[in-house]
Amino acid sequence: MVYDRVEARGHKNIRALHTKTFELTKDIDLTPKGDCIIGVGLDKAVAELDPNLLNVIRKDHSVVVLVLEVGELRDVVLARGSQKLVLGDKRRIVVRKSRFIGPETLAIEANKAARDIDRRIIQRLQDPSSRLVVHIYAIDMEPYMSTGGYAPSIHTILNNLVSI
């Protein structure tokens, strides 16, 4: 398992209504049209994440777990990596429910988009003084996929991650 974290701030125009993606951006201004954006003033974009994390995410059997934190509130997003990921954008991080891949895409086939994130978190992110911390874990599941190997359940993995 490999880990990195990013931080972003809230903005008064965060609406988080998009049904297919969520995005974090280094931009500090946001119009109401940016309905997938959940954080601005991002401290590092997808291309700037730990290279070891990116190497694991670039595997077809990788699982990506993102723990979104605002204060004491947490939400967990599950997604997967792919060998097709570019991971080259220096301004944004995007997580997608679909399989679409662009340079900004961190993970695909996510179980949540902006609309699905805990609305208490989104409400707090509408305050520009709020801080969003995103813990990013990547797990290469390939070693556990061979016959006879022990494969921890995703439930076990999540319980361990959320308790960190």
C-alpha atoms as a PDB file:
ATOM      1  CA  MET A   1       0.000   0.000   0.000  1.00  0.00           C
ATOM      2  CA  VAL A   2       1.303   3.456  -0.930  1.00  0.00           C
ATOM      3  CA  TYR A   3       0.082   6.790   0.461  1.00  0.00           C
ATOM      4  CA  ASP A   4       0.102  10.499  -0.279  1.00  0.00           C
ATOM      5  CA  ARG A   5      -2.095  13.402   0.756  1.00  0.00           C
ATOM      6  CA  VAL A   6      -3.249  16.670  -0.690  1.00  0.00           C
ATOM      7  CA  GLU A   7      -4.930  19.715   0.767  1.00  0.00           C
ATOM      8  CA  ALA A   8      -7.367  22.215  -0.699  1.00  0.00           C
ATOM      9  CA  ARG A   9      -9.652  24.952   0.593  1.00  0.00           C
ATOM     10  CA  GLY A  10     -13.324  25.606   0.401  1.00  0.00           C
ATOM     11  CA  HIS A  11     -15.026  28.263  -1.719  1.00  0.00           C
ATOM     12  CA  LYS A  12     -18.431  29.942  -1.526  1.00  0.00           C
ATOM     13  CA  ASN A  13     -19.366  28.579  -4.992  1.00  0.00           C
ATOM     14  CA  ILE A  14     -18.747  24.905  -4.231  1.00  0.00           C
ATOM     15  CA  ARG A  15     -21.958  23.077  -5.121  1.00  0.00           C
ATOM     16  CA  ALA A  16     -20.702  19.529  -5.795  1.00  0.00           C
ATOM     17  CA  LEU A  17     -23.643  18.511  -7.986  1.00  0.00           C
ATOM     18  CA  HIS A  18     -21.841  16.626 -10.754  1.00  0.00           C
ATOM     19  CA  THR A  19     -22.970  13.014 -11.097  1.00  0.00           C
ATOM     20  CA  LYS A  20     -19.896  11.566 -12.859  1.00  0.00           C
ATOM     21  CA  THR A  21     -16.759  13.210 -11.389  1.00  0.00           C
ATOM     22  CA  PHE A  22     -15.262  15.257  -8.610  1.00  0.00           C
ATOM     23  CA  GLU A  23     -12.325  17.597  -8.998  1.00  0.00           C
ATOM     24  CA  LEU A  24      -9.735  19.432  -6.946  1.00  0.00           C
ATOM     25  CA  THR A  25      -7.973  22.383  -8.559  1.00  0.00           C
ATOM     26  CA  LYS A  26      -5.062  24.708  -7.901  1.00  0.00           C
ATOM     27  CA  ASP A  27      -7.249  27.542  -9.179  1.00  0.00           C
ATOM     28  CA  ILE A  28      -8.430  29.831  -6.400  1.00  0.00           C
ATOM     29  CA  ASP A  29     -11.493  31.227  -8.135  1.00  0.00           C
ATOM     30  CA  LEU A  30     -14.596  29.203  -8.902  1.00  0.00           C
ATOM     31  CA  THR A  31     -17.800  30.036 -10.745  1.00  0.00           C
ATOM     32  CA  PRO A  32     -21.071  28.215 -10.029  1.00  0.00           C
ATOM     33  CA  LYS A  33     -20.617  26.371 -13.356  1.00  0.00           C
ATOM     34  CA  GLY A  34     -17.794  24.314 -11.801  1.00  0.00           C
ATOM     35  CA  ASP A  35     -20.226  21.891 -10.207  1.00  0.00           C
ATOM     36  CA  CYS A  36     -17.737  19.002  -9.990  1.00  0.00           C
ATOM     37  CA  ILE A  37     -15.166  20.965  -7.967  1.00  0.00           C
ATOM     38  CA  ILE A  38     -14.966  20.191  -4.250  1.00  0.00           C
ATOM     39  CA  GLY A  39     -11.775  22.108  -3.398  1.00  0.00           C
ATOM     40  CA  VAL A  40      -9.677  25.033  -4.659  1.00  0.00           C
ATOM     41  CA  GLY A  41      -6.120  26.156  -3.945  1.00  0.00           C
ATOM     42  CA  LEU A  42      -4.928  22.556  -4.226  1.00  0.00           C
ATOM     43  CA  ASP A  43      -1.368  22.151  -2.932  1.00  0.00           C
ATOM     44  CA  LYS A  44      -0.323  19.543  -5.536  1.00  0.00           C
ATOM     45  CA  ALA A  45      -1.852  18.204  -8.705  1.00  0.00           C
ATOM     46  CA  VAL A  46      -1.949  14.648  -9.994  1.00  0.00           C
ATOM     47  CA  ALA A  47       1.488  14.902 -11.703  1.00  0.00           C
ATOM     48  CA  GLU A  48       3.049  16.061  -8.425  1.00  0.00           C
ATOM     49  CA  LEU A  49       1.930  13.143  -6.283  1.00  0.00           C
ATOM     50  CA  ASP A  50       4.431  10.641  -4.898  1.00  0.00           C
ATOM     51  CA  PRO A  51       5.898   8.699  -7.862  1.00  0.00           C
ATOM     52  CA  ASN A  52       5.519   5.430  -5.938  1.00  0.00           C
ATOM     53  CA  LEU A  53       1.798   6.107  -5.559  1.00  0.00           C
ATOM     54  CA  LEU A  54       1.469   6.905  -9.255  1.00  0.00           C
ATOM     55  CA  ASN A  55       3.303   3.679 -10.176  1.00  0.00           C
ATOM     56  CA  VAL A  56       0.768   1.617  -8.227  1.00  0.00           C
ATOM     57  CA  ILE A  57      -2.199   3.569  -9.613  1.00  0.00           C
ATOM     58  CA  ARG A  58      -0.933   2.787 -13.128  1.00  0.00           C
ATOM     59  CA  LYS A  59      -1.682  -0.914 -12.590  1.00  0.00           C
ATOM     60  CA  ASP A  60      -4.903  -2.480 -13.845  1.00  0.00           C
ATOM     61  CA  HIS A  61      -5.442  -4.335 -10.566  1.00  0.00           C
ATOM     62  CA  SER A  62      -4.939  -1.342  -8.281  1.00  0.00           C
ATOM     63  CA  VAL A  63      -7.536  -0.082  -5.867  1.00  0.00           C
ATOM     64  CA  VAL A  64      -7.516   3.612  -4.989  1.00  0.00           C
ATOM     65  CA  VAL A  65      -9.032   4.710  -1.691  1.00  0.00           C
ATOM     66  CA  LEU A  66      -9.550   8.398  -1.028  1.00  0.00           C
ATOM     67  CA  VAL A  67     -10.464   9.557   2.460  1.00  0.00           C
ATOM     68  CA  LEU A  68     -11.924  13.079   2.357  1.00  0.00           C
ATOM     69  CA  GLU A  69     -11.673  14.993   5.635  1.00  0.00           C
ATOM     70  CA  VAL A  70     -13.036  18.347   6.698  1.00  0.00           C
ATOM     71  CA  GLY A  71     -12.560  18.776  10.416  1.00  0.00           C
ATOM     72  CA  GLU A  72     -13.932  15.663  12.111  1.00  0.00           C
ATOM     73  CA  LEU A  73     -16.085  14.714   9.110  1.00  0.00           C
ATOM     74  CA  ARG A  74     -14.897  11.930   6.790  1.00  0.00           C
ATOM     75  CA  ASP A  75     -16.121  10.307   3.606  1.00  0.00           C
ATOM     76  CA  VAL A  76     -14.488   7.450   1.711  1.00  0.00           C
ATOM     77  CA  VAL A  77     -14.341   7.021  -2.068  1.00  0.00           C
ATOM     78  CA  LEU A  78     -13.283   3.779  -3.747  1.00  0.00           C
ATOM     79  CA  ALA A  79     -11.958   3.744  -7.306  1.00  0.00           C
ATOM     80  CA  ARG A  80      -9.520   1.842  -9.447  1.00  0.00           C
ATOM     81  CA  GLY A  81      -6.357   2.555 -11.334  1.00  0.00           C
ATOM     82  CA  SER A  82      -5.399   1.621 -14.876  1.00  0.00           C
ATOM     83  CA  GLN A  83      -2.266   1.172 -16.940  1.00  0.00           C
ATOM     84  CA  LYS A  84      -3.842   3.665 -19.365  1.00  0.00           C
ATOM     85  CA  LEU A  85      -3.779   6.561 -16.874  1.00  0.00           C
ATOM     86  CA  VAL A  86      -1.637   9.514 -17.965  1.00  0.00           C
ATOM     87  CA  LEU A  87      -1.357  11.209 -14.539  1.00  0.00           C
ATOM     88  CA  GLY A  88       0.274  14.259 -16.111  1.00  0.00           C
ATOM     89  CA  ASP A  89      -1.830  17.296 -15.166  1.00  0.00           C
ATOM     90  CA  LYS A  90      -0.062  19.958 -13.087  1.00  0.00           C
ATOM     91  CA  ARG A  91      -3.200  21.867 -12.079  1.00  0.00           C
ATOM     92  CA  ARG A  92      -5.949  19.384 -11.172  1.00  0.00           C
ATOM     93  CA  ILE A  93      -6.958  16.023  -9.760  1.00  0.00           C
ATOM     94  CA  VAL A  94     -10.106  14.373 -11.122  1.00  0.00           C
ATOM     95  CA  VAL A  95     -11.762  11.168  -9.945  1.00  0.00           C
ATOM     96  CA  ARG A  96     -14.328   9.664 -12.323  1.00  0.00           C
ATOM     97  CA  LYS A  97     -17.173   7.178 -12.110  1.00  0.00           C
ATOM     98  CA  SER A  98     -16.644   6.442 -15.801  1.00  0.00           C
ATOM     99  CA  ARG A  99     -13.635   4.946 -17.583  1.00  0.00           C
ATOM    100  CA  PHE A 100     -12.772   8.222 -19.342  1.00  0.00           C
ATOM    101  CA  ILE A 101      -9.097   9.100 -18.992  1.00  0.00           C
ATOM    102  CA  GLY A 102      -7.465  12.490 -19.373  1.00  0.00           C
ATOM    103  CA  PRO A 103      -4.144  13.827 -18.049  1.00  0.00           C
ATOM    104  CA  GLU A 104      -5.925  15.047 -14.902  1.00  0.00           C
ATOM    105  CA  THR A 105      -7.582  11.689 -14.099  1.00  0.00           C
ATOM    106  CA  LEU A 106      -6.329  10.092 -10.876  1.00  0.00           C
ATOM    107  CA  ALA A 107      -8.713   7.135 -10.797  1.00  0.00           C
ATOM    108  CA  ILE A 108     -11.673   5.662 -12.676  1.00  0.00           C
ATOM    109  CA  GLU A 109     -14.805   3.632 -11.917  1.00  0.00           C
ATOM    110  CA  ALA A 110     -15.246   5.425  -8.594  1.00  0.00           C
ATOM    111  CA  ASN A 111     -18.192   4.644  -6.365  1.00  0.00           C
ATOM    112  CA  LYS A 112     -18.840   8.368  -5.777  1.00  0.00           C
ATOM    113  CA  ALA A 113     -18.922  11.608  -7.714  1.00  0.00           C
ATOM    114  CA  ALA A 114     -19.286  15.140  -6.324  1.00  0.00           C
ATOM    115  CA  ARG A 115     -23.059  14.665  -5.861  1.00  0.00           C
ATOM    116  CA  ASP A 116     -22.524  11.559  -3.706  1.00  0.00           C
ATOM    117  CA  ILE A 117     -20.107  13.078  -1.192  1.00  0.00           C
ATOM    118  CA  ASP A 118     -21.472  13.585   2.317  1.00  0.00           C
ATOM    119  CA  ARG A 119     -23.470  16.808   2.113  1.00  0.00           C
ATOM    120  CA  ARG A 120     -22.246  17.925   5.548  1.00  0.00           C
ATOM    121  CA  ILE A 121     -18.719  17.983   4.094  1.00  0.00           C
ATOM    122  CA  ILE A 122     -19.896  19.945   1.046  1.00  0.00           C
ATOM    123  CA  GLN A 123     -21.717  22.417   3.278  1.00  0.00           C
ATOM    124  CA  ARG A 124     -18.519  23.049   5.228  1.00  0.00           C
ATOM    125  CA  LEU A 125     -16.554  23.404   1.975  1.00  0.00           C
ATOM    126  CA  GLN A 126     -18.779  26.344   1.034  1.00  0.00           C
ATOM    127  CA  ASP A 127     -16.847  28.288   3.670  1.00  0.00           C
ATOM    128  CA  PRO A 128     -13.606  29.647   2.139  1.00  0.00           C
ATOM    129  CA  SER A 129     -11.804  29.198   5.466  1.00  0.00           C
ATOM    130  CA  SER A 130     -12.464  25.442   5.504  1.00  0.00           C
ATOM    131  CA  ARG A 131      -9.685  22.994   4.750  1.00  0.00           C
ATOM    132  CA  LEU A 132     -10.111  19.717   2.873  1.00  0.00           C
ATOM    133  CA  VAL A 133      -7.511  16.999   3.421  1.00  0.00           C
ATOM    134  CA  VAL A 134      -7.571  14.090   0.984  1.00  0.00           C
ATOM    135  CA  HIS A 135      -5.679  10.969   2.004  1.00  0.00           C
ATOM    136  CA  ILE A 136      -4.894   8.895  -1.098  1.00  0.00           C
ATOM    137  CA  TYR A 137      -4.063   5.201  -0.743  1.00  0.00           C
ATOM    138  CA  ALA A 138      -3.200   2.896  -3.637  1.00  0.00           C
ATOM    139  CA  ILE A 139      -3.159  -0.841  -3.214  1.00  0.00           C
ATOM    140  CA  ASP A 140      -1.819  -3.245  -5.824  1.00  0.00           C
ATOM    141  CA  MET A 141      -4.254  -6.167  -5.574  1.00  0.00           C
ATOM    142  CA  GLU A 142      -2.472  -8.383  -8.114  1.00  0.00           C
ATOM    143  CA  PRO A 143      -0.431 -10.336  -5.522  1.00  0.00           C
ATOM    144  CA  TYR A 144      -3.688 -11.309  -3.798  1.00  0.00           C
ATOM    145  CA  MET A 145      -5.408 -12.457  -6.976  1.00  0.00           C
ATOM    146  CA  SER A 146      -3.466 -15.700  -7.455  1.00  0.00           C
ATOM    147  CA  THR A 147      -5.112 -18.893  -6.308  1.00  0.00           C
ATOM    148  CA  GLY A 148      -4.280 -19.866  -2.787  1.00  0.00           C
ATOM    149  CA  GLY A 149      -3.199 -16.379  -1.741  1.00  0.00           C
ATOM    150  CA  TYR A 150      -4.885 -14.559   1.111  1.00  0.00           C
ATOM    151  CA  ALA A 151      -6.925 -11.642  -0.152  1.00  0.00           C
ATOM    152  CA  PRO A 152      -8.101  -9.244   2.546  1.00  0.00           C
ATOM    153  CA  SER A 153     -11.653  -8.119   1.975  1.00  0.00           C
ATOM    154  CA  ILE A 154     -12.204  -4.558   0.834  1.00  0.00           C
ATOM    155  CA  HIS A 155     -14.175  -4.140   4.077  1.00  0.00           C
ATOM    156  CA  THR A 156     -11.065  -5.057   6.112  1.00  0.00           C
ATOM    157  CA  ILE A 157      -8.911  -2.699   4.060  1.00  0.00           C
ATOM    158  CA  LEU A 158     -11.392   0.153   4.488  1.00  0.00           C
ATOM    159  CA  ASN A 159     -11.723  -0.393   8.229  1.00  0.00           C
ATOM    160  CA  ASN A 160      -7.939  -0.221   8.579  1.00  0.00           C
ATOM    161  CA  LEU A 161      -7.686   2.922   6.449  1.00  0.00           C
ATOM    162  CA  VAL A 162     -10.540   4.821   8.063  1.00  0.00           C
ATOM    163  CA  SER A 163      -9.140   4.146  11.542  1.00  0.00           C
ATOM    164  CA  ILE A 164      -5.770   5.717  10.620  1.00  0.00           C
END
